[in-house]
Amino acid sequence: MREKKSIMENVDQVGLGLYIALLLIGLLNVFAVSFSDEVRFFDFSLPHGKQFMWMGISLVVGFSILTFESSFFTKFAFILYGITIAILVVTFLVAVEINGARSWLQVGSFQFQPAEFGKTTTALMMAKFMSMISGQPRTFRNKIIAYLIFGVPMGIIVLQSDVGSALVYASLVLVVYREGFPVNEVLIVVAIGLCFVFALIFGMDPVAITLTIGLLVYTISSSFKLVRKEKIKGTVFLALFTVGGLLFLLGNEVFGLNIIVSVVATFVCMIAALISVRKIKYFTMGIPVVIYMVLMSFTIFGVEYITHDLLEDYQVQRIETLLGMSDDADAEYNVTQSKMTIGSGGVFGKGYLQGTLTQSEQVPEQSTDFIFCTIGEEWGFVGTCMFLMIYLLFILRIIFIAERQRSAFSRVYAYCVASFFFLQILINVGMTIGLIPVIGIPLPFISYGGSSVLAFSILVFIMLRLDADRLFILR
């Protein structure tokens, strides 16, 4: 067998080239934010200088990863994932609150965000589990385990009040779907999201009443065959179900019941109705009723919990501003300035280092969460499209790498990487142009931040290392 001439022999050159291109674009734009006549490029006390150092560290760490045996990542996936969960819990318990979140861990003079590095270990754990069940039936139990793999760190990060980072973990639903699991739950999540939006706009009661009337109409229209064939059981079922719906719709005004009692009574009646026809095989209403209970519970109890306990006031204000429910200038200041800065670039932009709004610091956090504004102002619409095209090519290349793997472990890991990049880019760009509420997550490789650059670099280089052994089957 021919010996490898170097560790770079089988590394995907296109993927590596796009990675380095994004690093350089990020460095140039961080420099543009802090540029002035007095600023030197190699001033390591300023953000762009620190970004340059983190790029160097990331490259050293990344090329070191290429020297690892691929089997290392499969053997230690469980351990690395467990360590990540432990660190996330410690961060929640001891971290100092920064910008409303307790997501940064201080170790000596070094400060880092465990949620960023947790993406890598969660992806490894997901790849390990999916490779273990490769070729097996896609059971509901296995789907729940897959959800828990990213749901546990996601939940801990939510408790840290870092909702933005937690949302990125949700992108692994795409991987679960790619691996052959039906993800009907996604439709329920979409329905929950719509209930949240409508409850904020119209209030809790109209949404809950609409859900109840909708279920009653659906149930009555679906019960004609049941009543025709099973007169007694059908009548009992419809009576219990109708009473349950009316208890919620009229419980407060007619019987003076509070909202909790009304909901519980409604659920009890509906469950009793289902029990009365449980032995009738051709008539099933269990799934619609469960979905109704989930949506009702979320609308009545979940929305209030999210807006009053889970999210900070400024985050709720941003959501209300996005939905047109508030015209508070302070709440929409960041997005207004962001859109103005991007729009000022026109078609071709003002030119590199010529961004007047960028250099006058019109947009808060422009070197981090709102770095896309700099690209919009200095490169214009054409330059922005070209920049996003590089991102698109990078994600497509990752998908190409995933599809050519013989190993389920390597394939799943690469798809995890693609999912993380896709959703994080979508959220960051969306919030800078006012399509998504401002939740504060960086643009991969472009935003200033050592944790983000290093974490995403590790994510990519592990993928490149696994791909270098793509002719082997790893488990």
Protein backbone atom coordinates (compact mmCIF):
# COMPACT_ATOMS: atom_id res chain seq x y z
CA MET A 1 0.00 0.00 0.00
CA ARG A 2 1.30 3.44 -0.91
CA GLU A 3 2.17 5.55 2.13
CA LYS A 4 0.67 8.96 2.59
CA LYS A 5 3.05 11.74 1.67
CA SER A 6 1.49 14.18 4.13
CA ILE A 7 -1.55 14.62 6.33
CA MET A 8 -2.95 16.94 3.65
CA GLU A 9 -3.07 14.29 0.94
CA ASN A 10 -6.73 13.36 1.33
CA VAL A 11 -8.05 16.56 2.89
CA ASP A 12 -10.79 18.21 0.83
CA GLN A 13 -9.03 21.17 -0.74
CA VAL A 14 -12.20 22.95 -1.85
CA GLY A 15 -13.73 22.85 1.63
CA LEU A 16 -10.47 23.98 3.23
CA GLY A 17 -10.13 26.81 0.70
CA LEU A 18 -13.65 28.09 1.34
CA TYR A 19 -13.02 27.93 5.10
CA ILE A 20 -9.85 30.04 4.80
CA ALA A 21 -11.62 32.48 2.46
CA LEU A 22 -14.36 33.03 5.07
CA LEU A 23 -11.73 33.56 7.79
CA LEU A 24 -10.03 36.24 5.70
CA ILE A 25 -13.32 37.94 4.84
CA GLY A 26 -14.13 38.03 8.54
CA LEU A 27 -10.78 39.54 9.45
CA LEU A 28 -11.08 42.24 6.77
CA ASN A 29 -14.55 43.21 7.95
CA VAL A 30 -13.66 43.31 11.64
CA PHE A 31 -10.77 45.59 10.66
CA ALA A 32 -13.16 47.78 8.64
CA VAL A 33 -15.36 48.33 11.71
CA SER A 34 -12.50 49.75 13.79
CA PHE A 35 -10.64 51.44 10.91
CA SER A 36 -9.37 54.99 11.17
CA ASP A 37 -6.24 56.83 10.05
CA GLU A 38 -4.57 56.07 13.38
CA VAL A 39 -5.39 52.35 13.46
CA ARG A 40 -2.70 49.88 12.38
CA PHE A 41 -3.62 46.50 10.90
CA PHE A 42 -1.32 44.58 13.24
CA ASP A 43 -2.47 46.27 16.43
CA PHE A 44 -3.22 43.27 18.64
CA SER A 45 -4.92 45.36 21.30
CA LEU A 46 -7.86 46.09 18.99
CA PRO A 47 -10.62 43.66 17.91
CA HIS A 48 -9.14 42.97 14.49
CA GLY A 49 -5.74 42.21 16.02
CA LYS A 50 -7.30 39.80 18.51
CA GLN A 51 -9.31 38.25 15.69
CA PHE A 52 -6.06 37.71 13.78
CA MET A 53 -4.56 35.92 16.77
CA TRP A 54 -7.63 33.72 17.16
CA MET A 55 -7.44 32.88 13.47
CA GLY A 56 -3.86 31.73 14.00
CA ILE A 57 -4.84 29.70 17.06
CA SER A 58 -7.77 28.17 15.18
CA LEU A 59 -5.54 27.14 12.27
CA VAL A 60 -2.97 25.58 14.60
CA VAL A 61 -5.68 23.67 16.47
CA GLY A 62 -7.37 22.73 13.21
CA PHE A 63 -4.28 21.33 11.51
CA SER A 64 -3.43 19.52 14.74
CA ILE A 65 -6.83 17.82 14.53
CA LEU A 66 -5.84 16.51 11.10
CA THR A 67 -3.11 14.45 12.80
CA PHE A 68 -5.65 12.60 14.96
CA GLU A 69 -6.80 9.10 14.13
CA SER A 70 -10.39 9.17 12.90
CA SER A 71 -11.29 6.47 15.41
CA PHE A 72 -10.54 8.91 18.24
CA PHE A 73 -13.77 10.80 17.52
CA THR A 74 -15.89 7.66 17.53
CA LYS A 75 -14.32 6.20 20.66
CA PHE A 76 -14.60 9.34 22.76
CA ALA A 77 -17.89 10.77 21.50
CA PHE A 78 -19.78 9.67 24.65
CA ILE A 79 -17.12 11.05 27.00
CA LEU A 80 -16.80 14.39 25.20
CA TYR A 81 -20.57 14.80 25.15
CA GLY A 82 -20.80 14.04 28.88
CA ILE A 83 -18.07 16.57 29.65
CA THR A 84 -19.95 19.16 27.61
CA ILE A 85 -23.18 18.61 29.55
CA ALA A 86 -21.26 18.92 32.84
CA ILE A 87 -19.58 22.17 31.73
CA LEU A 88 -22.90 23.63 30.58
CA VAL A 89 -24.43 22.86 33.98
CA VAL A 90 -21.45 24.41 35.77
CA THR A 91 -21.73 27.48 33.54
CA PHE A 92 -25.39 27.87 34.44
CA LEU A 93 -24.56 27.61 38.15
CA VAL A 94 -21.47 29.81 38.44
CA ALA A 95 -21.30 32.09 35.39
CA VAL A 96 -21.63 35.84 35.81
CA GLU A 97 -24.53 37.42 33.93
CA ILE A 98 -23.43 39.26 30.77
CA ASN A 99 -26.01 41.04 28.59
CA GLY A 100 -28.80 39.20 30.37
CA ALA A 101 -27.31 35.71 29.85
CA ARG A 102 -25.22 33.42 32.03
CA SER A 103 -23.44 31.67 29.18
CA TRP A 104 -19.78 32.73 29.55
CA LEU A 105 -17.33 30.78 31.70
CA GLN A 106 -14.24 32.45 33.11
CA VAL A 107 -11.09 30.34 33.54
CA GLY A 108 -8.31 32.59 34.78
CA SER A 109 -7.99 35.40 32.26
CA PHE A 110 -9.60 33.30 29.52
CA GLN A 111 -13.32 33.67 28.91
CA PHE A 112 -15.23 31.34 26.60
CA GLN A 113 -18.77 30.32 25.71
CA PRO A 114 -19.30 26.56 26.27
CA ALA A 115 -22.42 26.54 24.07
CA GLU A 116 -20.23 27.25 21.03
CA PHE A 117 -17.94 24.28 21.67
CA GLY A 118 -20.92 22.13 22.63
CA LYS A 119 -22.00 22.09 18.98
CA THR A 120 -19.02 19.88 18.13
CA THR A 121 -19.52 17.33 20.89
CA THR A 122 -23.28 17.22 20.29
CA ALA A 123 -22.64 16.58 16.60
CA LEU A 124 -20.20 13.78 17.50
CA MET A 125 -22.74 12.25 19.87
CA MET A 126 -25.47 12.45 17.25
CA ALA A 127 -23.15 10.81 14.71
CA LYS A 128 -22.22 8.07 17.19
CA PHE A 129 -25.84 7.26 18.00
CA MET A 130 -27.00 7.29 14.39
CA SER A 131 -24.11 5.03 13.36
CA MET A 132 -25.03 2.60 16.16
CA ILE A 133 -28.58 2.23 14.82
CA SER A 134 -27.55 2.22 11.17
CA GLY A 135 -29.60 -0.38 9.32
CA GLN A 136 -32.10 -0.76 12.16
CA PRO A 137 -35.79 0.20 11.94
CA ARG A 138 -36.48 3.86 12.69
CA THR A 139 -38.43 3.34 15.90
CA PHE A 140 -40.11 6.03 17.97
CA ARG A 141 -37.77 5.20 20.87
CA ASN A 142 -34.70 5.90 18.73
CA LYS A 143 -36.21 9.16 17.53
CA ILE A 144 -36.77 10.29 21.12
CA ILE A 145 -33.14 9.47 21.97
CA ALA A 146 -31.98 11.49 18.96
CA TYR A 147 -34.09 14.44 20.09
CA LEU A 148 -32.71 14.18 23.62
CA ILE A 149 -29.11 14.25 22.37
CA PHE A 150 -29.50 17.84 21.21
CA GLY A 151 -32.49 18.67 23.41
CA VAL A 152 -30.59 18.28 26.71
CA PRO A 153 -27.81 20.80 25.93
CA MET A 154 -30.40 23.01 24.24
CA GLY A 155 -32.52 23.06 27.38
CA ILE A 156 -29.55 23.91 29.62
CA ILE A 157 -28.57 26.76 27.29
CA VAL A 158 -32.14 28.09 27.41
CA LEU A 159 -31.86 28.12 31.22
CA GLN A 160 -28.73 30.26 30.75
CA SER A 161 -31.01 32.78 28.95
CA ASP A 162 -29.02 32.30 25.74
CA VAL A 163 -31.99 31.56 23.50
CA GLY A 164 -30.10 32.41 20.31
CA SER A 165 -27.43 29.74 20.81
CA ALA A 166 -30.08 27.22 21.86
CA LEU A 167 -32.04 27.74 18.65
CA VAL A 168 -29.01 26.72 16.57
CA TYR A 169 -29.04 23.29 18.23
CA ALA A 170 -32.59 22.83 16.97
CA SER A 171 -31.18 22.66 13.43
CA LEU A 172 -30.25 19.02 14.15
CA VAL A 173 -33.90 18.17 13.47
CA LEU A 174 -32.81 18.35 9.82
CA VAL A 175 -30.26 15.60 10.49
CA VAL A 176 -32.88 13.42 12.18
CA TYR A 177 -35.07 13.82 9.09
CA ARG A 178 -32.15 13.10 6.72
CA GLU A 179 -31.47 9.84 8.55
CA GLY A 180 -34.91 8.49 7.78
CA PHE A 181 -36.96 9.44 10.83
CA PRO A 182 -40.39 10.99 10.13
CA VAL A 183 -40.44 14.32 11.90
CA ASN A 184 -44.14 15.06 12.16
CA GLU A 185 -43.32 16.82 15.40
CA VAL A 186 -41.92 19.68 13.31
CA LEU A 187 -45.45 20.50 12.19
CA ILE A 188 -46.50 20.66 15.84
CA VAL A 189 -43.57 22.98 16.56
CA VAL A 190 -44.67 25.21 13.67
CA ALA A 191 -48.22 25.20 15.05
CA ILE A 192 -46.88 26.12 18.50
CA GLY A 193 -44.93 28.98 16.94
CA LEU A 194 -48.05 30.26 15.20
CA CYS A 195 -50.00 30.03 18.47
CA PHE A 196 -47.27 32.08 20.16
CA VAL A 197 -47.39 34.77 17.47
CA PHE A 198 -51.19 34.95 17.35
CA ALA A 199 -51.44 34.96 21.17
CA LEU A 200 -49.11 37.98 21.27
CA ILE A 201 -51.04 39.80 18.55
CA PHE A 202 -54.65 38.93 19.39
CA GLY A 203 -54.42 37.68 22.96
CA MET A 204 -54.64 34.26 24.58
CA ASP A 205 -58.45 33.91 24.63
CA PRO A 206 -59.15 34.31 20.88
CA VAL A 207 -56.48 31.73 20.02
CA ALA A 208 -57.75 29.21 22.60
CA ILE A 209 -61.38 29.72 21.50
CA THR A 210 -60.41 29.26 17.84
CA LEU A 211 -58.58 26.01 18.64
CA THR A 212 -61.55 24.66 20.60
CA ILE A 213 -64.13 25.55 17.95
CA GLY A 214 -61.89 24.11 15.26
CA LEU A 215 -61.55 20.81 17.10
CA LEU A 216 -65.31 20.62 17.75
CA VAL A 217 -66.11 21.23 14.08
CA TYR A 218 -63.55 18.64 12.98
CA THR A 219 -64.79 16.06 15.50
CA ILE A 220 -68.48 16.49 14.65
CA SER A 221 -67.79 16.29 10.90
CA SER A 222 -65.69 13.14 11.43
CA SER A 223 -68.27 11.38 13.61
CA PHE A 224 -71.12 10.83 11.14
CA LYS A 225 -70.02 7.27 10.35
CA LEU A 226 -69.53 6.51 14.05
CA VAL A 227 -73.02 7.69 15.02
CA ARG A 228 -74.57 5.81 12.10
CA LYS A 229 -72.91 2.49 12.98
CA GLU A 230 -72.62 2.79 16.78
CA LYS A 231 -75.63 4.84 17.87
CA ILE A 232 -75.17 4.58 21.64
CA LYS A 233 -71.40 4.84 21.77
CA GLY A 234 -71.37 7.48 19.07
CA THR A 235 -73.92 9.60 20.91
CA VAL A 236 -72.05 9.25 24.20
CA PHE A 237 -68.79 10.21 22.49
CA LEU A 238 -70.27 13.30 20.84
CA ALA A 239 -72.05 14.35 24.03
CA LEU A 240 -68.90 14.10 26.17
CA PHE A 241 -66.81 15.85 23.55
CA THR A 242 -69.31 18.66 23.07
CA VAL A 243 -69.67 19.15 26.83
CA GLY A 244 -65.90 19.35 27.09
CA GLY A 245 -65.70 22.03 24.43
CA LEU A 246 -68.57 24.04 25.93
CA LEU A 247 -67.00 23.87 29.39
CA PHE A 248 -64.09 25.85 28.05
CA LEU A 249 -66.08 28.19 25.81
CA LEU A 250 -68.73 29.02 28.43
CA GLY A 251 -67.11 27.89 31.68
CA ASN A 252 -66.14 31.34 32.91
CA GLU A 253 -69.25 33.29 31.91
CA VAL A 254 -71.90 30.66 32.73
CA PHE A 255 -70.37 28.63 35.55
CA GLY A 256 -67.81 31.12 36.90
CA LEU A 257 -64.92 28.68 36.44
CA ASN A 258 -61.38 30.04 36.32
CA ILE A 259 -59.20 29.27 33.33
CA ILE A 260 -57.30 26.38 34.92
CA VAL A 261 -60.47 24.57 36.06
CA SER A 262 -62.06 25.10 32.63
CA VAL A 263 -59.07 23.63 30.81
CA VAL A 264 -58.77 20.64 33.15
CA ALA A 265 -62.52 19.92 32.90
CA THR A 266 -62.37 20.15 29.11
CA PHE A 267 -59.42 17.76 28.91
CA VAL A 268 -61.13 15.27 31.28
CA CYS A 269 -64.31 15.22 29.20
CA MET A 270 -62.39 14.73 25.96
CA ILE A 271 -60.31 11.90 27.44
CA ALA A 272 -63.50 10.25 28.73
CA ALA A 273 -64.99 10.57 25.22
CA LEU A 274 -61.95 8.85 23.72
CA ILE A 275 -62.15 6.04 26.28
CA SER A 276 -65.80 5.42 25.37
CA VAL A 277 -64.83 4.54 21.78
CA ARG A 278 -61.39 3.06 22.40
CA LYS A 279 -62.38 -0.38 21.06
CA ILE A 280 -63.75 0.94 17.76
CA LYS A 281 -60.84 0.43 15.36
CA TYR A 282 -62.11 2.43 12.39
CA PHE A 283 -62.59 5.61 14.43
CA THR A 284 -59.49 7.31 15.84
CA MET A 285 -59.41 10.80 17.30
CA GLY A 286 -56.48 10.38 19.68
CA ILE A 287 -53.86 12.30 17.67
CA PRO A 288 -56.02 15.41 16.98
CA VAL A 289 -57.00 15.57 20.66
CA VAL A 290 -53.38 15.25 21.84
CA ILE A 291 -52.32 17.99 19.42
CA TYR A 292 -55.18 20.17 20.66
CA MET A 293 -54.16 19.63 24.29
CA VAL A 294 -50.54 20.50 23.52
CA LEU A 295 -51.49 23.70 21.65
CA MET A 296 -54.04 24.72 24.29
CA SER A 297 -51.63 24.13 27.17
CA PHE A 298 -48.94 26.13 25.40
CA THR A 299 -51.30 28.97 24.51
CA ILE A 300 -52.75 29.31 28.01
CA PHE A 301 -49.70 28.59 30.13
CA GLY A 302 -46.64 28.50 27.87
CA VAL A 303 -46.92 31.92 26.23
CA GLU A 304 -47.15 33.68 29.58
CA TYR A 305 -44.20 31.69 30.94
CA ILE A 306 -42.05 32.53 27.92
CA THR A 307 -42.86 36.24 27.90
CA HIS A 308 -42.69 36.78 31.67
CA ASP A 309 -40.11 34.28 32.93
CA LEU A 310 -38.01 32.86 30.11
CA LEU A 311 -37.30 35.88 27.90
CA GLU A 312 -35.87 39.17 29.07
CA ASP A 313 -38.03 42.29 28.71
CA TYR A 314 -35.89 43.63 25.88
CA GLN A 315 -36.26 40.36 23.96
CA VAL A 316 -40.06 40.46 24.27
CA GLN A 317 -39.96 44.09 23.17
CA ARG A 318 -37.97 43.14 20.07
CA ILE A 319 -40.47 40.41 19.16
CA GLU A 320 -43.38 42.82 19.60
CA THR A 321 -41.58 45.40 17.46
CA LEU A 322 -41.02 42.83 14.71
CA LEU A 323 -44.72 41.90 14.79
CA GLY A 324 -45.73 45.55 14.54
CA MET A 325 -47.17 45.61 18.05
CA SER A 326 -44.78 48.28 19.31
CA ASP A 327 -43.23 51.39 17.84
CA ASP A 328 -40.75 51.89 20.66
CA ALA A 329 -37.78 53.59 19.00
CA ASP A 330 -35.36 52.19 21.57
CA ALA A 331 -36.46 48.60 20.94
CA GLU A 332 -36.04 48.84 17.16
CA TYR A 333 -32.98 51.12 17.21
CA ASN A 334 -30.45 48.39 16.37
CA VAL A 335 -32.46 47.02 13.46
CA THR A 336 -33.31 50.49 12.12
CA GLN A 337 -29.65 51.50 12.13
CA SER A 338 -28.69 48.15 10.65
CA LYS A 339 -31.09 48.45 7.72
CA MET A 340 -30.07 52.06 7.14
CA THR A 341 -26.39 51.07 7.07
CA ILE A 342 -26.98 48.18 4.67
CA GLY A 343 -29.20 50.30 2.43
CA SER A 344 -26.64 53.10 2.23
CA GLY A 345 -24.33 50.74 0.34
CA GLY A 346 -26.58 50.75 -2.70
CA VAL A 347 -25.84 48.37 -5.56
CA PHE A 348 -22.05 48.34 -5.57
CA GLY A 349 -21.19 49.67 -2.11
CA LYS A 350 -19.06 52.57 -0.95
CA GLY A 351 -15.82 50.63 -1.22
CA TYR A 352 -13.66 48.81 1.30
CA LEU A 353 -12.80 50.99 4.35
CA GLN A 354 -15.12 53.69 2.99
CA GLY A 355 -18.13 52.86 5.14
CA THR A 356 -18.98 56.15 6.81
CA LEU A 357 -21.81 54.77 8.93
CA THR A 358 -19.70 51.76 9.89
CA GLN A 359 -16.77 53.87 11.06
CA SER A 360 -19.00 56.35 12.90
CA GLU A 361 -20.34 53.39 14.96
CA GLN A 362 -23.98 53.98 14.05
CA VAL A 363 -24.89 50.33 14.75
CA PRO A 364 -24.30 48.87 18.23
CA GLU A 365 -22.36 45.56 18.35
CA GLN A 366 -21.37 46.00 14.72
CA SER A 367 -18.19 43.93 14.95
CA THR A 368 -20.11 40.98 16.45
CA ASP A 369 -23.84 40.42 15.93
CA PHE A 370 -24.25 43.09 13.22
CA ILE A 371 -21.08 42.57 11.16
CA PHE A 372 -23.29 41.92 8.12
CA CYS A 373 -24.04 45.67 8.07
CA THR A 374 -20.41 46.40 7.23
CA ILE A 375 -20.56 44.05 4.26
CA GLY A 376 -23.78 45.67 3.07
CA GLU A 377 -22.45 49.23 3.30
CA GLU A 378 -18.97 48.71 1.86
CA TRP A 379 -19.67 45.96 -0.66
CA GLY A 380 -23.22 46.84 -1.66
CA PHE A 381 -25.95 44.55 -2.95
CA VAL A 382 -23.68 42.85 -5.49
CA GLY A 383 -20.90 42.25 -2.98
CA THR A 384 -23.36 40.98 -0.40
CA CYS A 385 -24.80 38.49 -2.88
CA MET A 386 -21.29 37.30 -3.73
CA PHE A 387 -20.49 36.93 -0.03
CA LEU A 388 -23.65 34.89 0.61
CA MET A 389 -22.78 32.81 -2.44
CA ILE A 390 -19.51 31.83 -0.77
CA TYR A 391 -21.49 30.69 2.26
CA LEU A 392 -23.85 28.76 -0.01
CA LEU A 393 -20.94 27.06 -1.79
CA PHE A 394 -19.42 26.19 1.59
CA ILE A 395 -22.63 24.56 2.84
CA LEU A 396 -23.16 22.74 -0.46
CA ARG A 397 -19.59 21.47 -0.27
CA ILE A 398 -20.22 20.14 3.24
CA ILE A 399 -23.33 18.34 1.94
CA PHE A 400 -21.27 16.92 -0.93
CA ILE A 401 -18.69 15.70 1.59
CA ALA A 402 -21.47 14.13 3.66
CA GLU A 403 -22.96 12.27 0.71
CA ARG A 404 -19.70 10.66 -0.36
CA GLN A 405 -19.03 9.02 3.01
CA ARG A 406 -19.13 5.25 3.42
CA SER A 407 -19.39 5.62 7.17
CA ALA A 408 -22.71 6.58 8.76
CA PHE A 409 -20.75 8.30 11.54
CA SER A 410 -18.91 10.60 9.12
CA ARG A 411 -22.04 11.29 7.07
CA VAL A 412 -24.17 12.25 10.06
CA TYR A 413 -21.43 14.43 11.53
CA ALA A 414 -21.02 16.34 8.25
CA TYR A 415 -24.77 16.91 8.05
CA CYS A 416 -24.70 18.25 11.61
CA VAL A 417 -22.02 20.74 10.56
CA ALA A 418 -24.07 21.84 7.54
CA SER A 419 -27.19 22.26 9.70
CA PHE A 420 -25.40 24.40 12.28
CA PHE A 421 -23.99 26.71 9.62
CA PHE A 422 -27.29 26.97 7.74
CA LEU A 423 -29.44 27.98 10.70
CA GLN A 424 -26.88 30.29 12.32
CA ILE A 425 -26.30 32.19 9.08
CA LEU A 426 -30.06 32.38 8.47
CA ILE A 427 -30.74 33.80 11.95
CA ASN A 428 -27.87 36.31 11.93
CA VAL A 429 -28.56 37.71 8.47
CA GLY A 430 -32.30 37.66 9.12
CA MET A 431 -32.03 39.72 12.30
CA THR A 432 -29.77 42.35 10.68
CA ILE A 433 -32.34 43.02 7.95
CA GLY A 434 -35.33 42.93 10.31
CA LEU A 435 -36.86 39.58 9.37
CA ILE A 436 -36.04 37.86 12.67
CA PRO A 437 -36.02 39.31 16.22
CA VAL A 438 -32.58 40.31 17.47
CA ILE A 439 -31.38 37.37 19.58
CA GLY A 440 -27.64 37.92 19.44
CA ILE A 441 -25.67 35.18 17.71
CA PRO A 442 -22.50 35.70 15.62
CA LEU A 443 -22.03 35.21 11.89
CA PRO A 444 -19.71 32.17 11.58
CA PHE A 445 -16.07 33.13 10.85
CA ILE A 446 -17.11 36.73 10.13
CA SER A 447 -18.13 38.17 13.50
CA TYR A 448 -15.49 39.16 16.03
CA GLY A 449 -15.10 36.59 18.79
CA GLY A 450 -12.47 34.03 19.72
CA SER A 451 -14.88 31.37 21.02
CA SER A 452 -16.94 31.42 17.84
CA VAL A 453 -13.99 31.29 15.42
CA LEU A 454 -12.22 28.51 17.33
CA ALA A 455 -15.39 26.47 17.91
CA PHE A 456 -16.49 26.58 14.27
CA SER A 457 -12.94 25.81 13.14
CA ILE A 458 -12.85 22.69 15.31
CA LEU A 459 -16.24 21.71 13.90
CA VAL A 460 -14.94 22.02 10.33
CA PHE A 461 -11.53 20.39 10.81
CA ILE A 462 -13.03 17.29 12.46
CA MET A 463 -15.25 16.97 9.40
CA LEU A 464 -12.22 17.32 7.10
CA ARG A 465 -10.34 14.70 9.12
CA LEU A 466 -13.20 12.23 8.95
CA ASP A 467 -13.57 12.90 5.23
CA ALA A 468 -9.88 12.18 4.69
CA ASP A 469 -10.67 8.60 5.73
CA ARG A 470 -13.88 8.44 3.74
CA LEU A 471 -12.98 5.03 2.29
CA PHE A 472 -13.10 3.54 5.78
CA ILE A 473 -16.25 2.67 7.72
CA LEU A 474 -16.16 4.18 11.20
CA ARG A 475 -18.53 3.15 13.98
